[in-house]
Amino acid sequence: MKVHPYFRVLPRVRLYIARPLRAGCFARTSLLLAFVLLGVVHLLHGQVDAVLRISGRDAEMRVANPTQKPLKVSITLFADSTLTDSIPCRISPQSVTLAAGASQVVRLRLRTPPKPGSAFRLATLFMPVEDKSRPAMRITLATRLITRVVTEAGP
């Protein structure tokens, strides 16, 4: 028994699908899409700490570039996970260009000691360095990693 589903495109034009989709076709497409996605993630990801601990008013973390090309990195501290209101603090350096395979220590100092139980998020934006040697249309993909910030009682 063959089922011929159709979809109406225009009042008298019908599109027939005579063969149902095979499971092998779906599996191959899914596997190819997974490999492409893993390749893109590997090319565009940077490396930061998953949790940043603030002791008193100070914190320190390492930002690394494991890719084969340089990346521009910029860091911002936010009050909560909505990433709408940034907190004034001193981040040194706030933006830096990391060479391929390089790493950088970033220090953070709040203006006032945080209240116990405060929720902060540190957003680290990784952007590829643009080649401005010749004009061209480009699609630039950026990666933003959100780090949970934990406050601890300081000295």
Protein backbone atom coordinates (compact mmCIF):
# COMPACT_ATOMS: atom_id res chain seq x y z
CA MET A 1 0.00 0.00 0.00
CA LYS A 2 1.44 3.32 -1.06
CA VAL A 3 0.33 6.54 0.54
CA HIS A 4 0.47 9.60 -1.66
CA PRO A 5 0.26 12.65 0.57
CA TYR A 6 -0.09 15.94 -1.24
CA PHE A 7 0.25 19.57 -0.38
CA ARG A 8 -1.85 22.18 -2.06
CA VAL A 9 0.32 24.93 -3.54
CA LEU A 10 -2.19 26.65 -5.81
CA PRO A 11 -5.88 25.90 -6.31
CA ARG A 12 -5.26 23.29 -9.05
CA VAL A 13 -1.57 22.44 -8.63
CA ARG A 14 -0.68 19.53 -6.36
CA LEU A 15 2.66 18.20 -5.27
CA TYR A 16 2.88 14.44 -4.83
CA ILE A 17 5.48 12.62 -2.77
CA ALA A 18 5.56 9.06 -4.09
CA ARG A 19 8.41 7.76 -1.91
CA PRO A 20 8.53 8.19 1.84
CA LEU A 21 11.75 9.51 3.38
CA ARG A 22 14.20 6.79 4.31
CA ALA A 23 15.77 6.55 7.76
CA GLY A 24 19.27 6.31 6.23
CA CYS A 25 18.88 9.66 4.51
CA PHE A 26 17.89 11.30 7.79
CA ALA A 27 20.79 9.67 9.67
CA ARG A 28 23.36 10.76 7.07
CA THR A 29 22.05 14.32 7.05
CA SER A 30 22.06 14.48 10.86
CA LEU A 31 25.60 13.10 11.05
CA LEU A 32 26.86 15.58 8.44
CA LEU A 33 25.19 18.46 10.26
CA ALA A 34 26.74 17.35 13.56
CA PHE A 35 30.24 17.26 12.02
CA VAL A 36 29.79 20.72 10.49
CA LEU A 37 28.54 22.11 13.80
CA LEU A 38 31.46 20.57 15.72
CA GLY A 39 33.89 22.02 13.17
CA VAL A 40 32.43 25.51 13.49
CA VAL A 41 32.45 25.33 17.29
CA HIS A 42 36.08 24.17 17.29
CA LEU A 43 37.11 27.04 15.00
CA LEU A 44 35.28 29.75 16.91
CA HIS A 45 35.53 28.89 20.59
CA GLY A 46 37.74 30.46 23.18
CA GLN A 47 38.60 29.25 26.62
CA VAL A 48 37.66 30.84 29.97
CA ASP A 49 36.94 29.64 33.50
CA ALA A 50 33.45 28.23 34.08
CA VAL A 51 33.17 29.85 37.52
CA LEU A 52 34.94 33.02 38.65
CA ARG A 53 35.38 33.50 42.40
CA ILE A 54 35.50 37.07 43.74
CA SER A 55 37.38 37.28 47.02
CA GLY A 56 36.58 40.63 48.65
CA ARG A 57 36.62 42.97 45.66
CA ASP A 58 39.23 41.18 43.51
CA ALA A 59 39.15 38.30 41.04
CA GLU A 60 41.50 36.82 38.48
CA MET A 61 40.96 34.52 35.50
CA ARG A 62 42.84 33.23 32.49
CA VAL A 63 41.53 33.73 28.95
CA ALA A 64 43.02 31.51 26.24
CA ASN A 65 42.81 31.26 22.46
CA PRO A 66 43.14 27.61 21.39
CA THR A 67 42.35 28.37 17.73
CA GLN A 68 44.76 28.78 14.80
CA LYS A 69 43.88 32.46 14.17
CA PRO A 70 44.02 35.57 16.38
CA LEU A 71 40.89 36.62 18.28
CA LYS A 72 39.76 39.95 19.73
CA VAL A 73 38.51 39.43 23.28
CA SER A 74 36.36 41.88 25.25
CA ILE A 75 35.07 41.33 28.79
CA THR A 76 32.09 42.89 30.61
CA LEU A 77 30.59 42.22 34.06
CA PHE A 78 26.78 42.12 34.34
CA ALA A 79 24.48 42.16 37.37
CA ASP A 80 22.44 39.09 36.42
CA SER A 81 21.85 36.58 33.65
CA THR A 82 19.75 38.92 31.50
CA LEU A 83 22.96 40.72 30.38
CA THR A 84 21.22 44.09 30.24
CA ASP A 85 22.88 46.14 32.98
CA SER A 86 26.64 46.19 33.29
CA ILE A 87 28.38 46.80 36.61
CA PRO A 88 31.04 49.53 36.80
CA CYS A 89 34.29 47.81 37.70
CA ARG A 90 37.93 47.81 36.67
CA ILE A 91 38.78 44.98 34.28
CA SER A 92 42.41 44.88 33.26
CA PRO A 93 42.70 44.43 30.28
CA GLN A 94 39.07 44.86 29.22
CA SER A 95 39.79 44.15 25.57
CA VAL A 96 42.80 42.41 24.08
CA THR A 97 43.84 40.66 20.87
CA LEU A 98 45.10 37.14 21.53
CA ALA A 99 47.42 35.46 19.07
CA ALA A 100 46.87 31.83 18.09
CA GLY A 101 47.51 29.59 21.09
CA ALA A 102 48.14 32.52 23.46
CA SER A 103 46.62 33.17 26.87
CA GLN A 104 46.16 36.24 29.05
CA VAL A 105 45.51 36.77 32.76
CA VAL A 106 42.61 39.17 33.34
CA ARG A 107 42.10 40.86 36.70
CA LEU A 108 38.83 42.28 37.94
CA ARG A 109 38.24 44.72 40.81
CA LEU A 110 34.82 45.88 41.96
CA ARG A 111 34.39 49.44 43.25
CA THR A 112 32.58 48.29 46.38
CA PRO A 113 32.56 44.87 48.05
CA PRO A 114 29.61 42.80 46.83
CA LYS A 115 26.81 41.76 49.15
CA PRO A 116 26.83 38.09 50.14
CA GLY A 117 24.76 36.02 47.73
CA SER A 118 25.07 38.53 44.87
CA ALA A 119 24.59 37.09 41.39
CA PHE A 120 26.98 38.33 38.70
CA ARG A 121 27.77 37.15 35.18
CA LEU A 122 30.98 37.83 33.29
CA ALA A 123 30.54 37.97 29.51
CA THR A 124 33.61 37.23 27.39
CA LEU A 125 33.18 38.03 23.70
CA PHE A 126 35.50 36.37 21.16
CA MET A 127 35.60 37.99 17.71
CA PRO A 128 37.87 36.99 14.82
CA VAL A 129 40.35 39.63 13.69
CA GLU A 130 39.24 41.07 10.35
CA ASP A 131 41.53 41.10 7.35
CA LYS A 132 41.10 44.59 5.90
CA SER A 133 43.56 44.12 3.03
CA ARG A 134 40.82 44.03 0.40
CA PRO A 135 37.16 45.00 0.49
CA ALA A 136 34.76 42.09 0.55
CA MET A 137 31.45 41.06 2.00
CA ARG A 138 32.00 38.88 5.07
CA ILE A 139 29.92 37.07 7.62
CA THR A 140 31.51 37.37 11.06
CA LEU A 141 30.60 34.87 13.74
CA ALA A 142 31.29 35.84 17.34
CA THR A 143 31.24 33.66 20.44
CA ARG A 144 30.11 35.00 23.81
CA LEU A 145 30.83 32.84 26.83
CA ILE A 146 28.99 33.61 30.05
CA THR A 147 30.82 32.86 33.30
CA ARG A 148 29.06 32.53 36.63
CA VAL A 149 30.59 34.79 39.28
CA VAL A 150 30.60 33.56 42.89
CA THR A 151 31.23 35.99 45.74
CA GLU A 152 33.29 34.89 48.74
CA ALA A 153 34.16 36.64 51.95
CA GLY A 154 37.42 38.47 51.43
CA PRO A 155 40.33 39.26 53.70
